[in-house]
Amino acid sequence: MSLRISFELDENDLKHFRLIMQEARQAASRMLPEDIVAAAEELLEHVEESTAPGFIVSRLRNLRLMIRMLSDLDWRLPHQEASRVLNALAYFAEPDDLIPDEIPGLGFLDDAIMIELVVRELRHEIEAYQDFCDYRDRLIREHGHTAKVSREGWLDNRRNELQGRMRRRRKRAAQTPLSG
């Protein structure tokens, strides 16, 4: 039997979490990017070793995705976007959480909430990266592991897909009589 518990964070709650994130970003600004990523990876390992609830574990998949986004050589995030992702990971580089991780069942709740907030902040970057990963997987399935995969190739492919869709829609619209 499972039990569903939900809660809503109001604007004051969100303001509080944003303030904590801002403080974490300031502290992390003195850290090397590799150290920020290492701290986030350490959190992932800590969660995997624990008996964290499923709702925590499911959110941490997004943390893993953000780390992969930074280190994926085929994706190669431009500096500005990489900085945004590193800023999002800053909270996880802070050793002192709102809720200590050692508290069974609740220790990672603040981490899960923060992940939800940064996923919303980075949703466009995450969606683009997931689209790129799907493209790469499709290329590898079709052409094997020797397929040349790059961000530029993905962008060219997306541009061609979008332009093809535009032409099909224009053609369909030209074939449809205008109603009076």
Protein backbone atom coordinates (compact mmCIF):
# COMPACT_ATOMS: atom_id res chain seq x y z
CA MET A 1 0.00 0.00 0.00
CA SER A 2 1.30 3.44 -0.86
CA LEU A 3 0.38 6.78 0.66
CA ARG A 4 0.33 10.01 -1.28
CA ILE A 5 1.18 13.18 0.61
CA SER A 6 1.37 16.46 -1.19
CA PHE A 7 2.06 19.98 -0.08
CA GLU A 8 2.18 23.32 -1.75
CA LEU A 9 4.90 25.90 -1.36
CA ASP A 10 3.51 29.41 -1.37
CA GLU A 11 5.37 32.47 -2.59
CA ASN A 12 6.97 33.07 0.83
CA ASP A 13 8.21 29.48 0.93
CA LEU A 14 9.64 29.82 -2.57
CA LYS A 15 11.25 33.12 -1.62
CA HIS A 16 12.91 31.34 1.30
CA PHE A 17 14.27 28.58 -0.95
CA ARG A 18 15.47 31.14 -3.52
CA LEU A 19 17.34 32.99 -0.76
CA ILE A 20 19.00 29.75 0.33
CA MET A 21 19.92 29.01 -3.29
CA GLN A 22 21.34 32.52 -3.70
CA GLU A 23 23.51 32.04 -0.59
CA ALA A 24 24.67 28.66 -1.88
CA ARG A 25 25.55 30.20 -5.25
CA GLN A 26 27.60 32.90 -3.55
CA ALA A 27 29.49 30.28 -1.54
CA ALA A 28 29.98 28.13 -4.64
CA SER A 29 31.29 31.07 -6.67
CA ARG A 30 34.61 30.52 -4.91
CA MET A 31 34.66 26.84 -5.90
CA LEU A 32 35.99 25.23 -9.04
CA PRO A 33 33.31 23.86 -11.39
CA GLU A 34 34.77 20.35 -10.94
CA ASP A 35 34.28 20.64 -7.16
CA ILE A 36 30.65 21.69 -7.56
CA VAL A 37 29.99 18.72 -9.84
CA ALA A 38 31.89 16.39 -7.50
CA ALA A 39 29.75 17.54 -4.55
CA ALA A 40 26.55 16.86 -6.52
CA GLU A 41 27.88 13.42 -7.51
CA GLU A 42 28.73 12.75 -3.87
CA LEU A 43 25.14 13.54 -2.91
CA LEU A 44 23.94 11.06 -5.53
CA GLU A 45 26.22 8.37 -4.12
CA HIS A 46 25.05 9.15 -0.59
CA VAL A 47 21.42 8.77 -1.65
CA GLU A 48 22.12 5.50 -3.47
CA GLU A 49 23.71 4.11 -0.30
CA SER A 50 20.75 5.20 1.82
CA THR A 51 17.18 4.02 1.95
CA ALA A 52 15.82 7.29 0.58
CA PRO A 53 12.14 7.25 -0.37
CA GLY A 54 11.19 6.81 -4.03
CA PHE A 55 9.99 10.40 -4.41
CA ILE A 56 13.50 11.56 -3.49
CA VAL A 57 15.26 9.06 -5.75
CA SER A 58 13.06 9.99 -8.73
CA ARG A 59 13.98 13.66 -8.39
CA LEU A 60 17.65 12.87 -8.10
CA ARG A 61 17.54 11.44 -11.63
CA ASN A 62 17.21 15.05 -12.77
CA LEU A 63 20.32 15.95 -10.80
CA ARG A 64 22.19 13.16 -12.60
CA LEU A 65 20.88 14.49 -15.92
CA MET A 66 22.19 17.99 -15.15
CA ILE A 67 25.62 16.58 -14.32
CA ARG A 68 25.64 14.59 -17.58
CA MET A 69 24.62 17.73 -19.46
CA LEU A 70 27.78 19.45 -18.21
CA SER A 71 30.16 16.59 -18.94
CA ASP A 72 28.74 15.35 -22.27
CA LEU A 73 31.45 16.03 -24.85
CA ASP A 74 29.00 15.64 -27.73
CA TRP A 75 26.67 18.25 -26.22
CA ARG A 76 29.30 20.83 -25.22
CA LEU A 77 27.19 23.42 -23.50
CA PRO A 78 28.17 27.01 -24.29
CA HIS A 79 29.74 28.81 -21.33
CA GLN A 80 26.64 30.81 -20.41
CA GLU A 81 24.41 27.72 -20.26
CA ALA A 82 27.07 25.71 -18.43
CA SER A 83 27.25 28.49 -15.83
CA ARG A 84 23.47 28.31 -15.37
CA VAL A 85 23.67 24.57 -14.74
CA LEU A 86 26.60 24.98 -12.34
CA ASN A 87 24.64 27.66 -10.49
CA ALA A 88 21.77 25.21 -10.20
CA LEU A 89 24.12 22.58 -8.74
CA ALA A 90 25.55 25.05 -6.21
CA TYR A 91 23.10 24.11 -3.46
CA PHE A 92 24.31 20.53 -3.56
CA ALA A 93 27.90 21.67 -2.97
CA GLU A 94 26.88 23.12 0.41
CA PRO A 95 27.73 20.71 3.22
CA ASP A 96 25.02 22.12 5.52
CA ASP A 97 21.50 21.36 4.31
CA LEU A 98 18.27 22.75 5.64
CA ILE A 99 17.43 19.19 6.72
CA PRO A 100 20.43 17.03 7.63
CA ASP A 101 20.71 14.13 5.18
CA GLU A 102 21.08 11.65 8.05
CA ILE A 103 17.44 12.02 9.16
CA PRO A 104 15.70 8.87 7.89
CA GLY A 105 12.91 9.46 5.38
CA LEU A 106 13.19 13.26 5.40
CA GLY A 107 16.90 13.99 5.18
CA PHE A 108 16.87 14.52 1.44
CA LEU A 109 13.54 16.38 1.29
CA ASP A 110 15.21 19.79 0.99
CA ASP A 111 17.42 18.41 -1.80
CA ALA A 112 14.35 17.09 -3.65
CA ILE A 113 12.59 20.46 -3.31
CA MET A 114 15.66 22.29 -4.56
CA ILE A 115 15.96 19.92 -7.51
CA GLU A 116 12.33 20.62 -8.41
CA LEU A 117 13.05 24.35 -8.34
CA VAL A 118 16.19 24.16 -10.47
CA VAL A 119 14.55 21.77 -12.95
CA ARG A 120 11.86 24.38 -13.48
CA GLU A 121 14.52 27.05 -13.88
CA LEU A 122 16.45 24.93 -16.41
CA ARG A 123 13.52 23.23 -18.13
CA HIS A 124 14.44 24.55 -21.58
CA GLU A 125 18.04 23.41 -21.28
CA ILE A 126 16.94 20.01 -19.95
CA GLU A 127 14.35 19.53 -22.70
CA ALA A 128 16.92 20.43 -25.37
CA TYR A 129 19.46 18.03 -23.88
CA GLN A 130 16.92 15.21 -23.69
CA ASP A 131 16.00 15.89 -27.32
CA PHE A 132 19.70 15.74 -28.22
CA CYS A 133 20.13 12.44 -26.33
CA ASP A 134 17.15 10.98 -28.21
CA TYR A 135 18.71 12.15 -31.49
CA ARG A 136 22.07 10.60 -30.54
CA ASP A 137 20.43 7.31 -29.52
CA ARG A 138 18.53 7.20 -32.81
CA LEU A 139 21.71 7.88 -34.82
CA ILE A 140 23.60 5.16 -32.97
CA ARG A 141 20.76 2.67 -33.51
CA GLU A 142 20.65 3.48 -37.22
CA HIS A 143 24.38 3.85 -37.92
CA GLY A 144 26.17 2.13 -35.06
CA HIS A 145 28.67 3.54 -32.58
CA THR A 146 30.75 5.04 -35.37
CA ALA A 147 28.00 7.63 -36.05
CA LYS A 148 29.30 11.17 -35.81
CA VAL A 149 27.22 12.91 -33.16
CA SER A 150 27.58 16.57 -32.27
CA ARG A 151 25.50 19.46 -31.04
CA GLU A 152 25.93 21.13 -34.43
CA GLY A 153 24.67 18.02 -36.23
CA TRP A 154 21.68 17.88 -33.92
CA LEU A 155 20.94 21.55 -34.56
CA ASP A 156 21.18 21.00 -38.33
CA ASN A 157 18.88 18.00 -38.01
CA ARG A 158 16.35 19.98 -35.91
CA ARG A 159 16.46 22.89 -38.35
CA ASN A 160 15.77 20.52 -41.26
CA GLU A 161 12.92 18.85 -39.35
CA LEU A 162 11.34 22.20 -38.47
CA GLN A 163 11.70 23.57 -42.00
CA GLY A 164 10.19 20.37 -43.42
CA ARG A 165 7.26 20.67 -41.02
CA MET A 166 6.85 24.32 -42.02
CA ARG A 167 6.73 23.37 -45.74
CA ARG A 168 4.24 20.53 -45.11
CA ARG A 169 1.96 22.85 -43.15
CA ARG A 170 2.19 25.55 -45.80
CA LYS A 171 1.35 23.00 -48.52
CA ARG A 172 -1.57 21.63 -46.51
CA ALA A 173 -2.86 25.16 -45.88
CA ALA A 174 -2.63 25.96 -49.61
CA GLN A 175 -4.68 22.84 -50.42
CA THR A 176 -7.40 23.67 -47.90
CA PRO A 177 -10.05 26.02 -49.27
CA LEU A 178 -10.63 29.16 -47.26
CA SER A 179 -13.97 29.23 -45.52
CA GLY A 180 -16.05 32.31 -45.95
